[in-house]
Amino acid sequence: MLIDSHVNLHAPQFDEDRDAVIARARAAGVGLMVEISDRLTTFEATHALAVAHDDIWCTVGVHPHEAKDAADLTAATLIDLAQRPKVVGIGECGLDFHYDFSPRDIQAAVFRQHIAAARETGLPLVIHTREADEMMAQILREEHAAGPFKMLMHCYTSGVELAKIAAELGAWFSVSGIATFKAAEDVRAVIRAMPADRIIVETDCPYLAPIPHRGRRNEPAYVGLVLEKLAEIRGWSADEADRITTEAFFGLFDRVPRPQ
C-alpha cells in the first residue's frame, strides 16, 4: 500500500478535477493520504476532505508564509481544532527565510505555538524549514528541552547539520519528488544519512512533481515514483522501501488506524 503523507488537495489547482485526482491516486495503489492545513482560513475545506473520504486524514496549522496573518495564534486554538475527527497532526508550520513572506520573529512565535500544541495533544508536528537552519535548530533544541514532542521534517532539503540535530531529537523525515531531480545530489546525500526507520514519502502535490512529470501539476498518484527513487538512493528493494516507510508512517501518525 502506497501512502502519501503530504497532499494539498484543497488547493485551487485541483478545483476542476479534485474527485478525478483522488480516483487516480486510488487506482495507482495509494491507500492513505494526509491532507495538510496551511492556514486556518482554509482549514474547513481541508477538514471536509478528510471527513468525506475514508482514506484521507488531515492536519491543522499555519504555514510560515501565512504567519503574518495569524500573529495572534495560540496553541489553545490549535488544540481545540485538533479535537475534531480525523485530525492527526499539527502543521504545516515552521520557518521559511527564503521568501520571508512573513517577518521572521512572527514566524518563530507562531511556530512555537504549534510546538506547544503538538506537545499538549501528542500529535506529530509537520515542519517546513527553508534557509533557516540555525534558528530552526535553536528552536527545536530549546523546545525539546522544555518537553518532548513528535516531529516530521517535511520535504527535507536543508543542511546536513540540521538533519543531524533533528534526528538526534527523534525526528522523522519525508522525501519528496525533489529527490528525483538531476541537480539534487545534495538532497540525496542527506537522504542516505537519514535514520532508516524514520523515513516516509510524500508528493506535496500540487507542487514538486517528480521526474518524468517535473514542471507539471503534481498528484498523489505519483508518490510511487518517489518511493522508487528512495529505494534506489538507500539501496533497498521495492518491498523493503514499502515496508520500511509504511512502518515509519504509522509510527509517526499513530492516530491513523492501519487498514484491515
C-alpha atoms as a PDB file:
ATOM      1  CA  MET A   1       0.000   0.000   0.000  1.00  0.00           C
ATOM      2  CA  LEU A   2       1.320   3.403  -1.002  1.00  0.00           C
ATOM      3  CA  ILE A   3       0.932   6.294   1.436  1.00  0.00           C
ATOM      4  CA  ASP A   4       1.168   9.969   0.509  1.00  0.00           C
ATOM      5  CA  SER A   5       1.992  11.715   3.766  1.00  0.00           C
ATOM      6  CA  HIS A   6       1.577  15.276   2.454  1.00  0.00           C
ATOM      7  CA  VAL A   7      -1.077  16.407  -0.030  1.00  0.00           C
ATOM      8  CA  ASN A   8      -2.689  19.794  -0.595  1.00  0.00           C
ATOM      9  CA  LEU A   9      -5.895  18.654  -2.261  1.00  0.00           C
ATOM     10  CA  HIS A  10      -7.740  21.762  -1.069  1.00  0.00           C
ATOM     11  CA  ALA A  11      -5.501  23.880  -3.323  1.00  0.00           C
ATOM     12  CA  PRO A  12      -7.208  25.758  -6.181  1.00  0.00           C
ATOM     13  CA  GLN A  13      -5.116  23.803  -8.686  1.00  0.00           C
ATOM     14  CA  PHE A  14      -7.481  20.883  -8.039  1.00  0.00           C
ATOM     15  CA  ASP A  15     -10.774  22.777  -8.193  1.00  0.00           C
ATOM     16  CA  GLU A  16     -11.630  21.496 -11.682  1.00  0.00           C
ATOM     17  CA  ASP A  17     -10.941  17.780 -11.159  1.00  0.00           C
ATOM     18  CA  ARG A  18     -10.403  17.033  -7.460  1.00  0.00           C
ATOM     19  CA  ASP A  19     -12.522  13.865  -7.468  1.00  0.00           C
ATOM     20  CA  ALA A  20     -10.695  12.550 -10.533  1.00  0.00           C
ATOM     21  CA  VAL A  21      -7.318  13.227  -8.878  1.00  0.00           C
ATOM     22  CA  ILE A  22      -8.378  11.244  -5.813  1.00  0.00           C
ATOM     23  CA  ALA A  23      -9.657   8.425  -8.038  1.00  0.00           C
ATOM     24  CA  ARG A  24      -6.350   8.301  -9.938  1.00  0.00           C
ATOM     25  CA  ALA A  25      -4.462   8.069  -6.657  1.00  0.00           C
ATOM     26  CA  ARG A  26      -6.521   5.082  -5.578  1.00  0.00           C
ATOM     27  CA  ALA A  27      -6.083   3.446  -8.974  1.00  0.00           C
ATOM     28  CA  ALA A  28      -2.311   3.863  -8.578  1.00  0.00           C
ATOM     29  CA  GLY A  29      -2.407   1.992  -5.259  1.00  0.00           C
ATOM     30  CA  VAL A  30      -2.404   4.932  -2.861  1.00  0.00           C
ATOM     31  CA  GLY A  31      -4.259   3.671   0.193  1.00  0.00           C
ATOM     32  CA  LEU A  32      -3.840   6.659   2.528  1.00  0.00           C
ATOM     33  CA  MET A  33      -3.322  10.407   2.151  1.00  0.00           C
ATOM     34  CA  VAL A  34      -2.726  13.142   4.726  1.00  0.00           C
ATOM     35  CA  GLU A  35      -4.292  16.440   3.664  1.00  0.00           C
ATOM     36  CA  ILE A  36      -2.216  19.306   5.053  1.00  0.00           C
ATOM     37  CA  SER A  37      -3.528  22.527   6.593  1.00  0.00           C
ATOM     38  CA  ASP A  38      -1.595  25.637   5.563  1.00  0.00           C
ATOM     39  CA  ARG A  39      -3.846  28.326   7.047  1.00  0.00           C
ATOM     40  CA  LEU A  40      -6.832  28.409   9.374  1.00  0.00           C
ATOM     41  CA  THR A  41      -8.991  30.193   6.786  1.00  0.00           C
ATOM     42  CA  THR A  42      -8.904  27.065   4.620  1.00  0.00           C
ATOM     43  CA  PHE A  43      -8.996  24.530   7.449  1.00  0.00           C
ATOM     44  CA  GLU A  44     -12.707  23.879   6.948  1.00  0.00           C
ATOM     45  CA  ALA A  45     -12.033  22.811   3.360  1.00  0.00           C
ATOM     46  CA  THR A  46      -9.084  20.690   4.495  1.00  0.00           C
ATOM     47  CA  HIS A  47     -11.114  19.029   7.228  1.00  0.00           C
ATOM     48  CA  ALA A  48     -14.089  18.469   4.935  1.00  0.00           C
ATOM     49  CA  LEU A  49     -11.908  16.484   2.544  1.00  0.00           C
ATOM     50  CA  ALA A  50     -10.815  14.200   5.357  1.00  0.00           C
ATOM     51  CA  VAL A  51     -14.342  13.709   6.649  1.00  0.00           C
ATOM     52  CA  ALA A  52     -15.671  12.937   3.167  1.00  0.00           C
ATOM     53  CA  HIS A  53     -13.125  10.206   2.375  1.00  0.00           C
ATOM     54  CA  ASP A  54     -12.245   7.134   4.428  1.00  0.00           C
ATOM     55  CA  ASP A  55      -8.664   7.131   3.118  1.00  0.00           C
ATOM     56  CA  ILE A  56      -7.872  10.813   3.767  1.00  0.00           C
ATOM     57  CA  TRP A  57      -6.807  12.292   7.127  1.00  0.00           C
ATOM     58  CA  CYS A  58      -5.736  15.844   7.898  1.00  0.00           C
ATOM     59  CA  THR A  59      -3.695  18.244   9.993  1.00  0.00           C
ATOM     60  CA  VAL A  60      -4.348  21.707  11.403  1.00  0.00           C
ATOM     61  CA  GLY A  61      -1.853  24.544  11.207  1.00  0.00           C
ATOM     62  CA  VAL A  62      -0.460  27.689   9.621  1.00  0.00           C
ATOM     63  CA  HIS A  63       2.372  27.678   7.070  1.00  0.00           C
ATOM     64  CA  PRO A  64       5.188  30.148   7.818  1.00  0.00           C
ATOM     65  CA  HIS A  65       4.261  32.089   4.665  1.00  0.00           C
ATOM     66  CA  GLU A  66       0.886  32.812   6.290  1.00  0.00           C
ATOM     67  CA  ALA A  67       2.187  33.509   9.808  1.00  0.00           C
ATOM     68  CA  LYS A  68       1.798  37.277   9.342  1.00  0.00           C
ATOM     69  CA  ASP A  69      -1.964  36.751   9.119  1.00  0.00           C
ATOM     70  CA  ALA A  70      -2.023  34.620  12.258  1.00  0.00           C
ATOM     71  CA  ALA A  71       0.322  36.562  14.537  1.00  0.00           C
ATOM     72  CA  ASP A  72      -2.119  36.199  17.432  1.00  0.00           C
ATOM     73  CA  LEU A  73      -2.462  32.422  17.007  1.00  0.00           C
ATOM     74  CA  THR A  74      -2.419  30.499  20.278  1.00  0.00           C
ATOM     75  CA  ALA A  75      -1.734  26.875  20.991  1.00  0.00           C
ATOM     76  CA  ALA A  76      -5.196  26.699  22.542  1.00  0.00           C
ATOM     77  CA  THR A  77      -6.826  27.383  19.162  1.00  0.00           C
ATOM     78  CA  LEU A  78      -4.848  24.621  17.511  1.00  0.00           C
ATOM     79  CA  ILE A  79      -5.532  22.226  20.380  1.00  0.00           C
ATOM     80  CA  ASP A  80      -9.263  22.905  20.109  1.00  0.00           C
ATOM     81  CA  LEU A  81      -9.351  22.269  16.355  1.00  0.00           C
ATOM     82  CA  ALA A  82      -7.214  19.161  16.781  1.00  0.00           C
ATOM     83  CA  GLN A  83     -10.023  17.527  18.754  1.00  0.00           C
ATOM     84  CA  ARG A  84     -12.070  17.150  15.576  1.00  0.00           C
ATOM     85  CA  PRO A  85     -12.407  13.720  13.997  1.00  0.00           C
ATOM     86  CA  LYS A  86      -9.674  12.719  11.534  1.00  0.00           C
ATOM     87  CA  VAL A  87      -7.169  15.409  12.612  1.00  0.00           C
ATOM     88  CA  VAL A  88      -3.901  13.517  13.028  1.00  0.00           C
ATOM     89  CA  GLY A  89      -1.191  16.189  13.049  1.00  0.00           C
ATOM     90  CA  ILE A  90      -0.236  19.793  13.805  1.00  0.00           C
ATOM     91  CA  GLY A  91       1.090  21.945  10.955  1.00  0.00           C
ATOM     92  CA  GLU A  92       2.351  22.593   8.350  1.00  0.00           C
ATOM     93  CA  CYS A  93       4.362  25.111  10.322  1.00  0.00           C
ATOM     94  CA  GLY A  94       7.918  26.293  10.724  1.00  0.00           C
ATOM     95  CA  LEU A  95      10.331  28.804   9.213  1.00  0.00           C
ATOM     96  CA  ASP A  96      10.909  29.974   5.644  1.00  0.00           C
ATOM     97  CA  PHE A  97      13.672  32.553   5.283  1.00  0.00           C
ATOM     98  CA  HIS A  98      13.933  32.099   1.515  1.00  0.00           C
ATOM     99  CA  TYR A  99      10.835  34.119   0.670  1.00  0.00           C
ATOM    100  CA  ASP A 100      10.311  35.901   4.011  1.00  0.00           C
ATOM    101  CA  PHE A 101       6.625  36.349   3.208  1.00  0.00           C
ATOM    102  CA  SER A 102       6.149  36.804   6.967  1.00  0.00           C
ATOM    103  CA  PRO A 103       8.510  38.619   9.370  1.00  0.00           C
ATOM    104  CA  ARG A 104      10.974  36.205  10.901  1.00  0.00           C
ATOM    105  CA  ASP A 105      10.093  36.989  14.503  1.00  0.00           C
ATOM    106  CA  ILE A 106       6.417  36.323  13.779  1.00  0.00           C
ATOM    107  CA  GLN A 107       7.271  33.078  12.009  1.00  0.00           C
ATOM    108  CA  ALA A 108       9.212  31.955  15.070  1.00  0.00           C
ATOM    109  CA  ALA A 109       6.489  32.950  17.541  1.00  0.00           C
ATOM    110  CA  VAL A 110       3.744  31.207  15.549  1.00  0.00           C
ATOM    111  CA  PHE A 111       5.948  28.133  15.151  1.00  0.00           C
ATOM    112  CA  ARG A 112       6.432  27.894  18.921  1.00  0.00           C
ATOM    113  CA  GLN A 113       2.645  27.924  19.401  1.00  0.00           C
ATOM    114  CA  HIS A 114       2.413  24.927  17.080  1.00  0.00           C
ATOM    115  CA  ILE A 115       5.082  23.129  19.075  1.00  0.00           C
ATOM    116  CA  ALA A 116       3.144  23.747  22.284  1.00  0.00           C
ATOM    117  CA  ALA A 117       0.022  22.335  20.638  1.00  0.00           C
ATOM    118  CA  ALA A 118       1.893  19.255  19.432  1.00  0.00           C
ATOM    119  CA  ARG A 119       3.316  18.689  22.892  1.00  0.00           C
ATOM    120  CA  GLU A 120      -0.115  19.035  24.529  1.00  0.00           C
ATOM    121  CA  THR A 121      -2.034  16.869  22.049  1.00  0.00           C
ATOM    122  CA  GLY A 122       0.646  14.277  21.391  1.00  0.00           C
ATOM    123  CA  LEU A 123       0.111  14.758  17.665  1.00  0.00           C
ATOM    124  CA  PRO A 124       3.113  14.892  15.327  1.00  0.00           C
ATOM    125  CA  LEU A 125       4.344  18.288  14.198  1.00  0.00           C
ATOM    126  CA  VAL A 126       4.731  18.744  10.421  1.00  0.00           C
ATOM    127  CA  ILE A 127       7.677  21.118   9.989  1.00  0.00           C
ATOM    128  CA  HIS A 128       8.560  23.253   6.978  1.00  0.00           C
ATOM    129  CA  THR A 129      12.093  24.639   7.062  1.00  0.00           C
ATOM    130  CA  ARG A 130      13.895  26.532   4.312  1.00  0.00           C
ATOM    131  CA  GLU A 131      17.129  28.521   4.616  1.00  0.00           C
ATOM    132  CA  ALA A 132      16.563  28.840   8.367  1.00  0.00           C
ATOM    133  CA  ASP A 133      18.802  26.073   9.672  1.00  0.00           C
ATOM    134  CA  GLU A 134      20.400  27.972  12.556  1.00  0.00           C
ATOM    135  CA  MET A 135      17.195  29.341  14.051  1.00  0.00           C
ATOM    136  CA  MET A 136      15.331  26.095  13.416  1.00  0.00           C
ATOM    137  CA  ALA A 137      17.981  24.130  15.286  1.00  0.00           C
ATOM    138  CA  GLN A 138      17.885  26.611  18.160  1.00  0.00           C
ATOM    139  CA  ILE A 139      14.107  26.478  18.479  1.00  0.00           C
ATOM    140  CA  LEU A 140      13.937  22.679  18.233  1.00  0.00           C
ATOM    141  CA  ARG A 141      16.601  22.262  20.913  1.00  0.00           C
ATOM    142  CA  GLU A 142      15.016  24.811  23.264  1.00  0.00           C
ATOM    143  CA  GLU A 143      11.505  23.472  22.852  1.00  0.00           C
ATOM    144  CA  HIS A 144      12.540  19.840  23.092  1.00  0.00           C
ATOM    145  CA  ALA A 145      14.328  20.622  26.354  1.00  0.00           C
ATOM    146  CA  ALA A 146      11.048  22.071  27.661  1.00  0.00           C
ATOM    147  CA  GLY A 147       9.223  18.847  26.838  1.00  0.00           C
ATOM    148  CA  PRO A 148       9.475  16.297  24.014  1.00  0.00           C
ATOM    149  CA  PHE A 149       7.177  16.216  21.003  1.00  0.00           C
ATOM    150  CA  LYS A 150       6.960  14.135  17.833  1.00  0.00           C
ATOM    151  CA  MET A 151       8.043  15.889  14.652  1.00  0.00           C
ATOM    152  CA  LEU A 152       8.389  15.392  10.938  1.00  0.00           C
ATOM    153  CA  MET A 153      10.893  17.333   8.853  1.00  0.00           C
ATOM    154  CA  HIS A 154       8.672  17.525   5.785  1.00  0.00           C
ATOM    155  CA  CYS A 155      10.138  17.534   2.260  1.00  0.00           C
ATOM    156  CA  TYR A 156      13.582  17.895   3.800  1.00  0.00           C
ATOM    157  CA  THR A 157      16.056  19.848   1.648  1.00  0.00           C
ATOM    158  CA  SER A 158      18.003  21.711   4.330  1.00  0.00           C
ATOM    159  CA  GLY A 159      21.535  21.113   5.555  1.00  0.00           C
ATOM    160  CA  VAL A 160      23.336  18.096   6.943  1.00  0.00           C
ATOM    161  CA  GLU A 161      23.870  19.655  10.384  1.00  0.00           C
ATOM    162  CA  LEU A 162      20.198  20.474  10.948  1.00  0.00           C
ATOM    163  CA  ALA A 163      19.264  16.973   9.783  1.00  0.00           C
ATOM    164  CA  LYS A 164      21.677  15.508  12.322  1.00  0.00           C
ATOM    165  CA  ILE A 165      20.282  17.663  15.142  1.00  0.00           C
ATOM    166  CA  ALA A 166      16.682  16.831  14.227  1.00  0.00           C
ATOM    167  CA  ALA A 167      17.486  13.125  14.029  1.00  0.00           C
ATOM    168  CA  GLU A 168      19.098  13.240  17.473  1.00  0.00           C
ATOM    169  CA  LEU A 169      15.874  14.791  18.783  1.00  0.00           C
ATOM    170  CA  GLY A 170      13.906  11.879  17.329  1.00  0.00           C
ATOM    171  CA  ALA A 171      12.546  13.480  14.159  1.00  0.00           C
ATOM    172  CA  TRP A 172      11.092  11.654  11.197  1.00  0.00           C
ATOM    173  CA  PHE A 173      11.908  12.839   7.656  1.00  0.00           C
ATOM    174  CA  SER A 174       9.832  12.827   4.478  1.00  0.00           C
ATOM    175  CA  VAL A 175      11.205  12.527   0.964  1.00  0.00           C
ATOM    176  CA  SER A 176       9.525  14.257  -1.972  1.00  0.00           C
ATOM    177  CA  GLY A 177       9.866  14.429  -5.747  1.00  0.00           C
ATOM    178  CA  ILE A 178      12.880  16.699  -5.311  1.00  0.00           C
ATOM    179  CA  ALA A 179      14.890  13.522  -4.724  1.00  0.00           C
ATOM    180  CA  THR A 180      14.383  12.663  -8.407  1.00  0.00           C
ATOM    181  CA  PHE A 181      15.719  15.991  -9.725  1.00  0.00           C
ATOM    182  CA  LYS A 182      19.017  15.747 -11.576  1.00  0.00           C
ATOM    183  CA  ALA A 183      20.632  18.627  -9.682  1.00  0.00           C
ATOM    184  CA  ALA A 184      19.532  17.443  -6.214  1.00  0.00           C
ATOM    185  CA  GLU A 185      22.558  15.323  -5.314  1.00  0.00           C
ATOM    186  CA  ASP A 186      22.977  17.263  -2.054  1.00  0.00           C
ATOM    187  CA  VAL A 187      19.428  16.262  -1.097  1.00  0.00           C
ATOM    188  CA  ARG A 188      20.141  12.635  -1.957  1.00  0.00           C
ATOM    189  CA  ALA A 189      23.293  12.725   0.182  1.00  0.00           C
ATOM    190  CA  VAL A 190      21.233  13.773   3.203  1.00  0.00           C
ATOM    191  CA  ILE A 191      18.640  11.074   2.435  1.00  0.00           C
ATOM    192  CA  ARG A 192      21.379   8.427   2.577  1.00  0.00           C
ATOM    193  CA  ALA A 193      22.166   9.526   6.155  1.00  0.00           C
ATOM    194  CA  MET A 194      18.588   9.727   7.463  1.00  0.00           C
ATOM    195  CA  PRO A 195      17.573   7.224  10.180  1.00  0.00           C
ATOM    196  CA  ALA A 196      16.221   4.288   8.192  1.00  0.00           C
ATOM    197  CA  ASP A 197      13.255   3.626  10.466  1.00  0.00           C
ATOM    198  CA  ARG A 198      12.045   7.251  10.339  1.00  0.00           C
ATOM    199  CA  ILE A 199      11.717   7.960   6.611  1.00  0.00           C
ATOM    200  CA  ILE A 200       8.374   8.404   4.848  1.00  0.00           C
ATOM    201  CA  VAL A 201       7.381   9.663   1.388  1.00  0.00           C
ATOM    202  CA  GLU A 202       5.166  12.438   0.070  1.00  0.00           C
ATOM    203  CA  THR A 203       4.225  14.346  -3.057  1.00  0.00           C
ATOM    204  CA  ASP A 204       3.474  17.802  -1.589  1.00  0.00           C
ATOM    205  CA  CYS A 205       1.064  18.000  -4.521  1.00  0.00           C
ATOM    206  CA  PRO A 206       0.294  20.111  -6.495  1.00  0.00           C
ATOM    207  CA  TYR A 207       3.958  21.135  -6.147  1.00  0.00           C
ATOM    208  CA  LEU A 208       7.283  19.368  -6.815  1.00  0.00           C
ATOM    209  CA  ALA A 209       6.185  16.737  -9.316  1.00  0.00           C
ATOM    210  CA  PRO A 210       8.813  14.001  -9.655  1.00  0.00           C
ATOM    211  CA  ILE A 211      10.539  13.186 -12.905  1.00  0.00           C
ATOM    212  CA  PRO A 212       9.137  12.467 -15.539  1.00  0.00           C
ATOM    213  CA  HIS A 213       6.302  14.851 -14.545  1.00  0.00           C
ATOM    214  CA  ARG A 214       8.512  17.722 -13.366  1.00  0.00           C
ATOM    215  CA  GLY A 215       7.145  21.120 -14.328  1.00  0.00           C
ATOM    216  CA  ARG A 216       3.561  19.908 -14.363  1.00  0.00           C
ATOM    217  CA  ARG A 217       0.967  19.689 -11.607  1.00  0.00           C
ATOM    218  CA  ASN A 218       1.819  17.022  -9.078  1.00  0.00           C
ATOM    219  CA  GLU A 219      -0.717  14.412  -7.923  1.00  0.00           C
ATOM    220  CA  PRO A 220      -0.829  11.777  -5.166  1.00  0.00           C
ATOM    221  CA  ALA A 221      -0.804   9.114  -7.901  1.00  0.00           C
ATOM    222  CA  TYR A 222       2.892   9.933  -8.431  1.00  0.00           C
ATOM    223  CA  VAL A 223       4.031   9.069  -4.900  1.00  0.00           C
ATOM    224  CA  GLY A 224       5.151   5.646  -6.114  1.00  0.00           C
ATOM    225  CA  LEU A 225       7.827   7.366  -8.203  1.00  0.00           C
ATOM    226  CA  VAL A 226       9.178   8.994  -5.041  1.00  0.00           C
ATOM    227  CA  LEU A 227       9.225   5.637  -3.261  1.00  0.00           C
ATOM    228  CA  GLU A 228      11.100   4.062  -6.189  1.00  0.00           C
ATOM    229  CA  LYS A 229      13.750   6.796  -6.038  1.00  0.00           C
ATOM    230  CA  LEU A 230      14.073   6.446  -2.271  1.00  0.00           C
ATOM    231  CA  ALA A 231      14.664   2.703  -2.698  1.00  0.00           C
ATOM    232  CA  GLU A 232      17.367   3.420  -5.264  1.00  0.00           C
ATOM    233  CA  ILE A 233      19.067   6.032  -3.057  1.00  0.00           C
ATOM    234  CA  ARG A 234      19.055   3.807   0.025  1.00  0.00           C
ATOM    235  CA  GLY A 235      19.832   0.545  -1.797  1.00  0.00           C
ATOM    236  CA  TRP A 236      16.537  -1.026  -0.726  1.00  0.00           C
ATOM    237  CA  SER A 237      14.358  -3.364  -2.721  1.00  0.00           C
ATOM    238  CA  ALA A 238      10.901  -2.117  -3.668  1.00  0.00           C
ATOM    239  CA  ASP A 239       9.357  -4.347  -0.998  1.00  0.00           C
ATOM    240  CA  GLU A 240      11.815  -3.132   1.637  1.00  0.00           C
ATOM    241  CA  ALA A 241      11.103   0.516   0.815  1.00  0.00           C
ATOM    242  CA  ASP A 242       7.360  -0.082   1.006  1.00  0.00           C
ATOM    243  CA  ARG A 243       7.594  -1.936   4.312  1.00  0.00           C
ATOM    244  CA  ILE A 244      10.063   0.451   5.959  1.00  0.00           C
ATOM    245  CA  THR A 245       8.204   3.647   5.007  1.00  0.00           C
ATOM    246  CA  THR A 246       4.813   2.172   5.892  1.00  0.00           C
ATOM    247  CA  GLU A 247       6.006   1.206   9.370  1.00  0.00           C
ATOM    248  CA  ALA A 248       7.586   4.631   9.790  1.00  0.00           C
ATOM    249  CA  PHE A 249       4.353   6.364   8.751  1.00  0.00           C
ATOM    250  CA  PHE A 250       2.236   4.541  11.319  1.00  0.00           C
ATOM    251  CA  GLY A 251       4.900   5.081  13.960  1.00  0.00           C
ATOM    252  CA  LEU A 252       4.625   8.834  13.375  1.00  0.00           C
ATOM    253  CA  PHE A 253       0.936   9.293  12.556  1.00  0.00           C
ATOM    254  CA  ASP A 254      -0.227   6.913  15.254  1.00  0.00           C
ATOM    255  CA  ARG A 255      -3.806   8.262  15.247  1.00  0.00           C
ATOM    256  CA  VAL A 256      -4.302   6.847  11.751  1.00  0.00           C
ATOM    257  CA  PRO A 257      -5.639   3.279  12.014  1.00  0.00           C
ATOM    258  CA  ARG A 258      -3.999   0.656   9.868  1.00  0.00           C
ATOM    259  CA  PRO A 259      -6.310  -0.509   7.074  1.00  0.00           C
ATOM    260  CA  GLN A 260      -7.640  -4.019   7.608  1.00  0.00           C
END
